[in-house]
Amino acid sequence: MSVTNAISGLTAAGGLFVIGGGIIPYTIPQFLGSIAVLISSVNIFGGFLISKRMLDMFRRPTDPPEYSYLYTMSGAGMVGSLLYANYSGVPHIELMGYLTSAVLCIGAIVGLASQTTARSGLSIGMVGVGGAMVTTIMACNFSPAVLT
């Protein structure tokens, strides 16, 4: 559920392109793009939150501890290396970001297919979707003022 909801990240990415870098929408397409980004972001966040709560319902007290937060280290490394490569002038680095994010999202769907690997799949999906959103924002080449 979470990763399939995160596919609406395509809507968020499209909305970012339609917004075009302005802080305030001045045209109807920019306004609709802003609404698409807002609704898609709520859908993405809510999908991951609901999936985590559903998985927590099946957690037994005897289950070993999980260290899912360690996936944030790999996600931060991926995002950091993408941003460093982008600002260093590596050509077409966003294609590598999209490819990595797509592979992670596919891996997340595979991981969510089994109850034993569902928690790992959820964490991998979060890293993949986060990387895709950062890559999309990076590809837009917004000014620092707009990003702020």
C-alpha atoms as a PDB file:
ATOM      1  CA  MET A   1       0.000   0.000   0.000  1.00  0.00           C
ATOM      2  CA  SER A   2       2.708   2.468   0.934  1.00  0.00           C
ATOM      3  CA  VAL A   3       4.849   2.047  -2.163  1.00  0.00           C
ATOM      4  CA  THR A   4       1.874   1.997  -4.509  1.00  0.00           C
ATOM      5  CA  ASN A   5       0.695   5.232  -2.859  1.00  0.00           C
ATOM      6  CA  ALA A   6       4.190   6.585  -3.310  1.00  0.00           C
ATOM      7  CA  ILE A   7       3.819   6.125  -7.042  1.00  0.00           C
ATOM      8  CA  SER A   8       1.739   9.271  -6.752  1.00  0.00           C
ATOM      9  CA  GLY A   9       5.156  10.858  -6.352  1.00  0.00           C
ATOM     10  CA  LEU A  10       4.989  11.123 -10.117  1.00  0.00           C
ATOM     11  CA  THR A  11       2.109  13.530  -9.622  1.00  0.00           C
ATOM     12  CA  ALA A  12       4.163  15.479  -7.111  1.00  0.00           C
ATOM     13  CA  ALA A  13       7.117  15.601  -9.510  1.00  0.00           C
ATOM     14  CA  GLY A  14       4.891  16.734 -12.369  1.00  0.00           C
ATOM     15  CA  GLY A  15       3.397  19.397 -10.130  1.00  0.00           C
ATOM     16  CA  LEU A  16       6.877  20.651  -9.262  1.00  0.00           C
ATOM     17  CA  PHE A  17       7.661  21.034 -12.947  1.00  0.00           C
ATOM     18  CA  VAL A  18       4.362  22.857 -13.573  1.00  0.00           C
ATOM     19  CA  ILE A  19       4.965  25.247 -10.683  1.00  0.00           C
ATOM     20  CA  GLY A  20       8.103  26.336 -12.484  1.00  0.00           C
ATOM     21  CA  GLY A  21      10.087  27.782  -9.605  1.00  0.00           C
ATOM     22  CA  GLY A  22       7.798  30.537  -8.449  1.00  0.00           C
ATOM     23  CA  ILE A  23       7.036  30.953  -4.775  1.00  0.00           C
ATOM     24  CA  ILE A  24       3.463  32.134  -5.368  1.00  0.00           C
ATOM     25  CA  PRO A  25       1.378  30.624  -8.184  1.00  0.00           C
ATOM     26  CA  TYR A  26       0.250  33.301 -10.639  1.00  0.00           C
ATOM     27  CA  THR A  27      -1.477  31.192 -13.282  1.00  0.00           C
ATOM     28  CA  ILE A  28      -4.147  28.505 -13.118  1.00  0.00           C
ATOM     29  CA  PRO A  29      -1.700  25.710 -14.123  1.00  0.00           C
ATOM     30  CA  GLN A  30       0.724  26.805 -11.394  1.00  0.00           C
ATOM     31  CA  PHE A  31      -2.120  26.810  -8.856  1.00  0.00           C
ATOM     32  CA  LEU A  32      -3.227  23.330  -9.947  1.00  0.00           C
ATOM     33  CA  GLY A  33       0.396  22.155  -9.802  1.00  0.00           C
ATOM     34  CA  SER A  34       0.646  23.432  -6.221  1.00  0.00           C
ATOM     35  CA  ILE A  35      -2.502  21.547  -5.271  1.00  0.00           C
ATOM     36  CA  ALA A  36      -1.166  18.382  -6.945  1.00  0.00           C
ATOM     37  CA  VAL A  37       2.076  18.609  -4.965  1.00  0.00           C
ATOM     38  CA  LEU A  38       0.182  19.088  -1.700  1.00  0.00           C
ATOM     39  CA  ILE A  39      -2.273  16.232  -2.241  1.00  0.00           C
ATOM     40  CA  SER A  40       0.428  13.858  -3.502  1.00  0.00           C
ATOM     41  CA  SER A  41       2.670  14.639  -0.540  1.00  0.00           C
ATOM     42  CA  VAL A  42      -0.153  13.871   1.891  1.00  0.00           C
ATOM     43  CA  ASN A  43      -0.848  10.619   0.008  1.00  0.00           C
ATOM     44  CA  ILE A  44       2.812   9.559   0.093  1.00  0.00           C
ATOM     45  CA  PHE A  45       3.308  10.349   3.774  1.00  0.00           C
ATOM     46  CA  GLY A  46      -0.031   8.826   4.772  1.00  0.00           C
ATOM     47  CA  GLY A  47       0.629   5.611   2.841  1.00  0.00           C
ATOM     48  CA  PHE A  48       3.900   4.983   4.635  1.00  0.00           C
ATOM     49  CA  LEU A  49       2.405   5.921   8.009  1.00  0.00           C
ATOM     50  CA  ILE A  50      -0.597   3.611   7.624  1.00  0.00           C
ATOM     51  CA  SER A  51       1.588   0.726   6.407  1.00  0.00           C
ATOM     52  CA  LYS A  52       3.863   1.090   9.418  1.00  0.00           C
ATOM     53  CA  ARG A  53       0.899   1.093  11.783  1.00  0.00           C
ATOM     54  CA  MET A  54      -0.556  -1.980  10.072  1.00  0.00           C
ATOM     55  CA  LEU A  55       2.752  -3.819  10.419  1.00  0.00           C
ATOM     56  CA  ASP A  56       2.987  -2.814  14.079  1.00  0.00           C
ATOM     57  CA  MET A  57      -0.373  -4.511  14.719  1.00  0.00           C
ATOM     58  CA  PHE A  58       1.191  -7.875  13.866  1.00  0.00           C
ATOM     59  CA  ARG A  59       4.294  -7.354  15.985  1.00  0.00           C
ATOM     60  CA  ARG A  60       4.682  -9.820  18.850  1.00  0.00           C
ATOM     61  CA  PRO A  61       6.427  -9.007  22.120  1.00  0.00           C
ATOM     62  CA  THR A  62       8.842 -11.877  21.473  1.00  0.00           C
ATOM     63  CA  ASP A  63      10.016 -10.512  18.112  1.00  0.00           C
ATOM     64  CA  PRO A  64      13.647  -9.407  18.040  1.00  0.00           C
ATOM     65  CA  PRO A  65      14.336  -5.668  18.010  1.00  0.00           C
ATOM     66  CA  GLU A  66      14.485  -3.977  14.653  1.00  0.00           C
ATOM     67  CA  TYR A  67      16.889  -1.306  13.592  1.00  0.00           C
ATOM     68  CA  SER A  68      14.963   0.196  10.677  1.00  0.00           C
ATOM     69  CA  TYR A  69      16.339   3.638  11.411  1.00  0.00           C
ATOM     70  CA  LEU A  70      19.686   2.455  10.040  1.00  0.00           C
ATOM     71  CA  TYR A  71      18.182   2.684   6.549  1.00  0.00           C
ATOM     72  CA  THR A  72      18.310   6.454   6.961  1.00  0.00           C
ATOM     73  CA  MET A  73      22.099   6.238   6.783  1.00  0.00           C
ATOM     74  CA  SER A  74      21.973   4.681   3.323  1.00  0.00           C
ATOM     75  CA  GLY A  75      19.265   7.132   2.266  1.00  0.00           C
ATOM     76  CA  ALA A  76      21.317  10.092   3.490  1.00  0.00           C
ATOM     77  CA  GLY A  77      24.351   8.691   1.675  1.00  0.00           C
ATOM     78  CA  MET A  78      22.389   8.353  -1.549  1.00  0.00           C
ATOM     79  CA  VAL A  79      20.919  11.849  -1.342  1.00  0.00           C
ATOM     80  CA  GLY A  80      24.248  13.348  -0.291  1.00  0.00           C
ATOM     81  CA  SER A  81      26.149  11.721  -3.132  1.00  0.00           C
ATOM     82  CA  LEU A  82      23.507  12.822  -5.652  1.00  0.00           C
ATOM     83  CA  LEU A  83      23.638  16.409  -4.434  1.00  0.00           C
ATOM     84  CA  TYR A  84      27.447  16.416  -4.385  1.00  0.00           C
ATOM     85  CA  ALA A  85      27.604  15.016  -7.927  1.00  0.00           C
ATOM     86  CA  ASN A  86      25.027  17.552  -9.116  1.00  0.00           C
ATOM     87  CA  TYR A  87      26.887  20.519  -7.671  1.00  0.00           C
ATOM     88  CA  SER A  88      30.199  19.125  -8.943  1.00  0.00           C
ATOM     89  CA  GLY A  89      28.848  19.243 -12.483  1.00  0.00           C
ATOM     90  CA  VAL A  90      28.500  15.535 -13.266  1.00  0.00           C
ATOM     91  CA  PRO A  91      26.375  15.412 -16.433  1.00  0.00           C
ATOM     92  CA  HIS A  92      23.016  13.603 -16.319  1.00  0.00           C
ATOM     93  CA  ILE A  93      23.408  12.570 -12.663  1.00  0.00           C
ATOM     94  CA  GLU A  94      19.644  12.839 -12.199  1.00  0.00           C
ATOM     95  CA  LEU A  95      19.234   9.797 -14.475  1.00  0.00           C
ATOM     96  CA  MET A  96      21.284   7.767 -11.999  1.00  0.00           C
ATOM     97  CA  GLY A  97      19.129   9.104  -9.173  1.00  0.00           C
ATOM     98  CA  TYR A  98      15.964   8.074 -10.979  1.00  0.00           C
ATOM     99  CA  LEU A  99      17.370   4.631 -11.753  1.00  0.00           C
ATOM    100  CA  THR A 100      18.453   4.044  -8.157  1.00  0.00           C
ATOM    101  CA  SER A 101      15.104   5.206  -6.811  1.00  0.00           C
ATOM    102  CA  ALA A 102      13.196   2.997  -9.262  1.00  0.00           C
ATOM    103  CA  VAL A 103      15.229  -0.068  -8.272  1.00  0.00           C
ATOM    104  CA  LEU A 104      14.633   0.692  -4.590  1.00  0.00           C
ATOM    105  CA  CYS A 105      10.877   1.082  -5.144  1.00  0.00           C
ATOM    106  CA  ILE A 106      10.711  -2.215  -7.023  1.00  0.00           C
ATOM    107  CA  GLY A 107      12.691  -3.832  -4.210  1.00  0.00           C
ATOM    108  CA  ALA A 108      10.245  -2.355  -1.727  1.00  0.00           C
ATOM    109  CA  ILE A 109       7.270  -3.876  -3.525  1.00  0.00           C
ATOM    110  CA  VAL A 110       9.047  -7.248  -3.523  1.00  0.00           C
ATOM    111  CA  GLY A 111       9.858  -6.844   0.177  1.00  0.00           C
ATOM    112  CA  LEU A 112       6.257  -6.021   1.043  1.00  0.00           C
ATOM    113  CA  ALA A 113       5.097  -9.287  -0.547  1.00  0.00           C
ATOM    114  CA  SER A 114       6.124 -11.336   2.493  1.00  0.00           C
ATOM    115  CA  GLN A 115       5.362 -10.667   6.136  1.00  0.00           C
ATOM    116  CA  THR A 116       8.916 -11.541   7.179  1.00  0.00           C
ATOM    117  CA  THR A 117      10.441  -8.901   4.903  1.00  0.00           C
ATOM    118  CA  ALA A 118       7.640  -6.320   5.001  1.00  0.00           C
ATOM    119  CA  ARG A 119       9.349  -3.981   7.448  1.00  0.00           C
ATOM    120  CA  SER A 120      12.523  -3.940   5.379  1.00  0.00           C
ATOM    121  CA  GLY A 121      10.448  -3.345   2.249  1.00  0.00           C
ATOM    122  CA  LEU A 122       8.751  -0.389   3.912  1.00  0.00           C
ATOM    123  CA  SER A 123      12.084   1.187   4.857  1.00  0.00           C
ATOM    124  CA  ILE A 124      13.551   0.571   1.401  1.00  0.00           C
ATOM    125  CA  GLY A 125      10.472   2.168  -0.152  1.00  0.00           C
ATOM    126  CA  MET A 126      10.884   5.272   1.998  1.00  0.00           C
ATOM    127  CA  VAL A 127      14.505   5.628   0.876  1.00  0.00           C
ATOM    128  CA  GLY A 128      13.531   5.107  -2.779  1.00  0.00           C
ATOM    129  CA  VAL A 129      10.698   7.625  -2.800  1.00  0.00           C
ATOM    130  CA  GLY A 130      12.735  10.166  -0.839  1.00  0.00           C
ATOM    131  CA  GLY A 131      15.577   9.799  -3.323  1.00  0.00           C
ATOM    132  CA  ALA A 132      13.199  10.233  -6.241  1.00  0.00           C
ATOM    133  CA  MET A 133      11.759  13.423  -4.803  1.00  0.00           C
ATOM    134  CA  VAL A 134      15.208  14.879  -4.089  1.00  0.00           C
ATOM    135  CA  THR A 135      16.358  13.930  -7.600  1.00  0.00           C
ATOM    136  CA  THR A 136      13.308  15.611  -9.123  1.00  0.00           C
ATOM    137  CA  ILE A 137      13.857  18.792  -7.150  1.00  0.00           C
ATOM    138  CA  MET A 138      17.537  18.657  -8.097  1.00  0.00           C
ATOM    139  CA  ALA A 139      16.656  18.242 -11.786  1.00  0.00           C
ATOM    140  CA  CYS A 140      14.405  21.318 -11.700  1.00  0.00           C
ATOM    141  CA  ASN A 141      17.415  23.577 -10.959  1.00  0.00           C
ATOM    142  CA  PHE A 142      15.425  25.865  -8.692  1.00  0.00           C
ATOM    143  CA  SER A 143      17.208  28.835  -7.187  1.00  0.00           C
ATOM    144  CA  PRO A 144      18.228  28.608  -3.514  1.00  0.00           C
ATOM    145  CA  ALA A 145      15.585  31.210  -2.646  1.00  0.00           C
ATOM    146  CA  VAL A 146      12.808  29.062  -4.094  1.00  0.00           C
ATOM    147  CA  LEU A 147      14.124  25.932  -2.356  1.00  0.00           C
ATOM    148  CA  THR A 148      14.124  27.777   0.947  1.00  0.00           C
END
